[in-house]
Amino acid sequence: MRLRVEFTTEPFDLDEAPAHAVVARQVIEAAELDAVDVGPFGNTAEGGADAVLTAVNALLRKSLQAGATRVSLQVNVVDAAGEGAQ
């Protein structure tokens, strides 16, 4: 099974990335995922279920420890072509 996770961490700071956002980015970029897109207002990553779920666990723990007051995430099952499962 393949999963796609979309996430944001808060609070936002448009002048510079807060520590929790930096940590979240480092966790996702270090994970064994197939596709990662990190941006200022939302981030996505895709990969096998085990890799995504392991990364989400680390993302939640480390970004909250680094000062995030809210983490919003959505996880979707995707097919082999990368499209949402129906």
C-alpha atoms as a PDB file:
ATOM      1  CA  MET A   1       0.000   0.000   0.000  1.00  0.00           C
ATOM      2  CA  ARG A   2       1.179   3.507  -0.846  1.00  0.00           C
ATOM      3  CA  LEU A   3       0.304   6.552   1.244  1.00  0.00           C
ATOM      4  CA  ARG A   4       0.497  10.294   0.744  1.00  0.00           C
ATOM      5  CA  VAL A   5       0.723  12.560   3.785  1.00  0.00           C
ATOM      6  CA  GLU A   6       0.052  16.287   3.709  1.00  0.00           C
ATOM      7  CA  PHE A   7       0.972  18.298   6.794  1.00  0.00           C
ATOM      8  CA  THR A   8       1.548  21.715   8.308  1.00  0.00           C
ATOM      9  CA  THR A   9       2.944  22.765  11.654  1.00  0.00           C
ATOM     10  CA  GLU A  10       1.968  25.871  13.573  1.00  0.00           C
ATOM     11  CA  PRO A  11       2.424  28.577  14.670  1.00  0.00           C
ATOM     12  CA  PHE A  12       3.400  30.155  11.358  1.00  0.00           C
ATOM     13  CA  ASP A  13       6.196  32.664  10.975  1.00  0.00           C
ATOM     14  CA  LEU A  14       6.517  34.152   7.499  1.00  0.00           C
ATOM     15  CA  ASP A  15       9.842  35.871   8.239  1.00  0.00           C
ATOM     16  CA  GLU A  16      11.789  32.731   9.068  1.00  0.00           C
ATOM     17  CA  ALA A  17      11.036  29.064   9.533  1.00  0.00           C
ATOM     18  CA  PRO A  18      10.351  28.264  13.193  1.00  0.00           C
ATOM     19  CA  ALA A  19      12.256  25.419  14.856  1.00  0.00           C
ATOM     20  CA  HIS A  20       9.284  23.043  14.667  1.00  0.00           C
ATOM     21  CA  ALA A  21       8.987  23.578  10.909  1.00  0.00           C
ATOM     22  CA  VAL A  22      12.709  22.968  10.405  1.00  0.00           C
ATOM     23  CA  VAL A  23      12.528  19.759  12.448  1.00  0.00           C
ATOM     24  CA  ALA A  24       9.475  18.552  10.512  1.00  0.00           C
ATOM     25  CA  ARG A  25      11.270  19.178   7.220  1.00  0.00           C
ATOM     26  CA  GLN A  26      14.382  17.338   8.428  1.00  0.00           C
ATOM     27  CA  VAL A  27      12.328  14.323   9.533  1.00  0.00           C
ATOM     28  CA  ILE A  28      10.511  14.064   6.209  1.00  0.00           C
ATOM     29  CA  GLU A  29      13.614  14.640   4.087  1.00  0.00           C
ATOM     30  CA  ALA A  30      15.550  11.979   6.045  1.00  0.00           C
ATOM     31  CA  ALA A  31      12.766   9.393   5.764  1.00  0.00           C
ATOM     32  CA  GLU A  32      12.869   6.716   3.088  1.00  0.00           C
ATOM     33  CA  LEU A  33      10.067   8.239   1.022  1.00  0.00           C
ATOM     34  CA  ASP A  34       9.651   8.337  -2.751  1.00  0.00           C
ATOM     35  CA  ALA A  35       8.440  11.903  -3.157  1.00  0.00           C
ATOM     36  CA  VAL A  36       8.789  14.908  -0.862  1.00  0.00           C
ATOM     37  CA  ASP A  37       7.555  18.440  -1.530  1.00  0.00           C
ATOM     38  CA  VAL A  38       8.234  20.949   1.249  1.00  0.00           C
ATOM     39  CA  GLY A  39       6.782  24.444   1.053  1.00  0.00           C
ATOM     40  CA  PRO A  40       5.928  27.386   3.317  1.00  0.00           C
ATOM     41  CA  PHE A  41       2.184  26.618   3.572  1.00  0.00           C
ATOM     42  CA  GLY A  42       2.044  22.866   3.204  1.00  0.00           C
ATOM     43  CA  ASN A  43       4.159  19.802   2.746  1.00  0.00           C
ATOM     44  CA  THR A  44       3.554  16.477   1.064  1.00  0.00           C
ATOM     45  CA  ALA A  45       5.372  13.178   1.062  1.00  0.00           C
ATOM     46  CA  GLU A  46       4.586   9.836  -0.488  1.00  0.00           C
ATOM     47  CA  GLY A  47       5.859   6.306  -0.103  1.00  0.00           C
ATOM     48  CA  GLY A  48       5.179   2.855   1.187  1.00  0.00           C
ATOM     49  CA  ALA A  49       2.819   2.612   4.144  1.00  0.00           C
ATOM     50  CA  ASP A  50       5.467   1.578   6.671  1.00  0.00           C
ATOM     51  CA  ALA A  51       7.837   4.379   5.670  1.00  0.00           C
ATOM     52  CA  VAL A  52       5.110   7.043   5.725  1.00  0.00           C
ATOM     53  CA  LEU A  53       3.681   5.916   9.063  1.00  0.00           C
ATOM     54  CA  THR A  54       7.148   5.782  10.632  1.00  0.00           C
ATOM     55  CA  ALA A  55       7.875   9.283   9.323  1.00  0.00           C
ATOM     56  CA  VAL A  56       4.533  10.610  10.624  1.00  0.00           C
ATOM     57  CA  ASN A  57       5.278   9.213  14.080  1.00  0.00           C
ATOM     58  CA  ALA A  58       8.667  10.936  14.162  1.00  0.00           C
ATOM     59  CA  LEU A  59       7.223  14.115  12.648  1.00  0.00           C
ATOM     60  CA  LEU A  60       4.574  14.415  15.366  1.00  0.00           C
ATOM     61  CA  ARG A  61       6.911  13.658  18.245  1.00  0.00           C
ATOM     62  CA  LYS A  62       9.808  15.842  17.136  1.00  0.00           C
ATOM     63  CA  SER A  63       7.854  18.859  15.878  1.00  0.00           C
ATOM     64  CA  LEU A  64       5.781  19.006  19.092  1.00  0.00           C
ATOM     65  CA  GLN A  65       8.982  18.751  21.149  1.00  0.00           C
ATOM     66  CA  ALA A  66      10.425  21.598  19.059  1.00  0.00           C
ATOM     67  CA  GLY A  67       7.540  23.938  19.893  1.00  0.00           C
ATOM     68  CA  ALA A  68       4.706  23.203  17.470  1.00  0.00           C
ATOM     69  CA  THR A  69       1.363  24.008  19.053  1.00  0.00           C
ATOM     70  CA  ARG A  70      -0.606  22.352  16.274  1.00  0.00           C
ATOM     71  CA  VAL A  71       0.143  19.791  13.585  1.00  0.00           C
ATOM     72  CA  SER A  72      -2.453  19.296  10.871  1.00  0.00           C
ATOM     73  CA  LEU A  73      -2.129  16.253   8.693  1.00  0.00           C
ATOM     74  CA  GLN A  74      -4.033  14.197   6.213  1.00  0.00           C
ATOM     75  CA  VAL A  75      -3.104  10.712   5.057  1.00  0.00           C
ATOM     76  CA  ASN A  76      -4.483   9.257   1.826  1.00  0.00           C
ATOM     77  CA  VAL A  77      -4.108   5.867   0.197  1.00  0.00           C
ATOM     78  CA  VAL A  78      -2.814   6.253  -3.361  1.00  0.00           C
ATOM     79  CA  ASP A  79      -2.593   3.760  -6.179  1.00  0.00           C
ATOM     80  CA  ALA A  80       0.573   2.803  -8.015  1.00  0.00           C
ATOM     81  CA  ALA A  81       0.186   5.740 -10.425  1.00  0.00           C
ATOM     82  CA  GLY A  82       0.073   8.182  -7.495  1.00  0.00           C
ATOM     83  CA  GLU A  83      -3.621   8.963  -7.782  1.00  0.00           C
ATOM     84  CA  GLY A  84      -6.065   8.805  -4.874  1.00  0.00           C
ATOM     85  CA  ALA A  85      -7.639   5.399  -4.351  1.00  0.00           C
ATOM     86  CA  GLN A  86     -11.341   5.089  -4.994  1.00  0.00           C
END
